[in-house]
Amino acid sequence: MRILVISVETFDKWNEKNRKNLVIDELTDEQFENINEQYEYGWSFDSLEEYVSAFNRDDNSCPVPSSHYIRVIS
């Protein structure tokens, strides 16, 4: 399991570049993963524990709901 992260801004850029008007829930896992790799350099967490730890530390590498989307990929 991996928790992938993309920014709202990145998603908007991807939509524009691909001439789409999708909402985040319409992305396939493959599309989400491709956006993550292309624009976010593979920003991810390898476990829920790793994500929770970053969140609780208020770590700079932790996504925030107002600016990011996350998705769990098996």
Protein backbone atom coordinates (compact mmCIF):
# COMPACT_ATOMS: atom_id res chain seq x y z
CA MET A 1 0.00 0.00 0.00
CA ARG A 2 1.13 3.51 -0.80
CA ILE A 3 -0.49 6.84 -0.06
CA LEU A 4 0.09 9.12 -3.06
CA VAL A 5 -0.15 12.91 -2.95
CA ILE A 6 -0.88 15.49 -5.64
CA SER A 7 -1.56 19.17 -5.21
CA VAL A 8 -4.79 20.86 -6.25
CA GLU A 9 -2.70 23.13 -8.49
CA THR A 10 -1.04 20.16 -10.16
CA PHE A 11 -4.39 18.52 -10.82
CA ASP A 12 -5.69 21.73 -12.38
CA LYS A 13 -2.59 21.94 -14.61
CA TRP A 14 -3.04 18.32 -15.68
CA ASN A 15 -6.70 18.94 -16.54
CA GLU A 16 -5.73 21.98 -18.61
CA LYS A 17 -2.84 20.25 -20.37
CA ASN A 18 -5.02 17.25 -21.26
CA ARG A 19 -8.07 19.35 -22.15
CA LYS A 20 -10.16 17.66 -19.53
CA ASN A 21 -12.56 18.94 -16.92
CA LEU A 22 -12.49 16.04 -14.48
CA VAL A 23 -13.10 16.20 -10.77
CA ILE A 24 -10.64 14.36 -8.54
CA ASP A 25 -12.93 11.36 -7.96
CA GLU A 26 -13.12 10.73 -11.71
CA LEU A 27 -9.41 10.00 -12.01
CA THR A 28 -8.42 6.38 -12.32
CA ASP A 29 -5.71 5.09 -10.01
CA GLU A 30 -3.40 4.95 -13.01
CA GLN A 31 -4.04 8.61 -13.91
CA PHE A 32 -3.54 9.68 -10.28
CA GLU A 33 -0.29 7.72 -10.13
CA ASN A 34 0.94 9.24 -13.41
CA ILE A 35 0.21 12.77 -12.18
CA ASN A 36 2.01 11.96 -8.93
CA GLU A 37 5.09 10.71 -10.78
CA GLN A 38 5.19 13.45 -13.43
CA TYR A 39 4.45 16.48 -11.29
CA GLU A 40 5.08 15.53 -7.67
CA TYR A 41 8.24 13.41 -8.10
CA GLY A 42 6.53 10.39 -6.56
CA TRP A 43 5.47 12.12 -3.33
CA SER A 44 4.08 9.28 -1.25
CA PHE A 45 3.97 7.52 2.08
CA ASP A 46 4.63 3.79 2.36
CA SER A 47 2.19 3.19 5.20
CA LEU A 48 -0.62 4.79 7.11
CA GLU A 49 1.67 4.95 10.12
CA GLU A 50 4.24 6.98 8.16
CA TYR A 51 1.53 9.42 7.06
CA VAL A 52 0.07 9.76 10.57
CA SER A 53 3.52 10.34 12.01
CA ALA A 54 4.22 13.14 9.49
CA PHE A 55 0.80 14.64 10.17
CA ASN A 56 1.26 14.58 13.95
CA ARG A 57 4.69 16.20 13.66
CA ASP A 58 3.14 18.87 11.42
CA ASP A 59 5.90 17.88 9.03
CA ASN A 60 6.44 20.00 5.90
CA SER A 61 6.10 16.83 3.84
CA CYS A 62 2.55 16.22 5.03
CA PRO A 63 -0.34 17.14 2.71
CA VAL A 64 -3.11 19.46 3.87
CA PRO A 65 -6.74 19.14 2.71
CA SER A 66 -6.96 22.70 1.40
CA SER A 67 -4.03 22.17 -1.00
CA HIS A 68 -3.65 18.46 -1.73
CA TYR A 69 -5.42 15.30 -2.74
CA ILE A 70 -4.35 11.89 -1.46
CA ARG A 71 -5.17 8.42 -2.66
CA VAL A 72 -4.34 4.96 -1.36
CA ILE A 73 -2.99 2.67 -4.06
CA SER A 74 -2.61 -1.04 -3.33
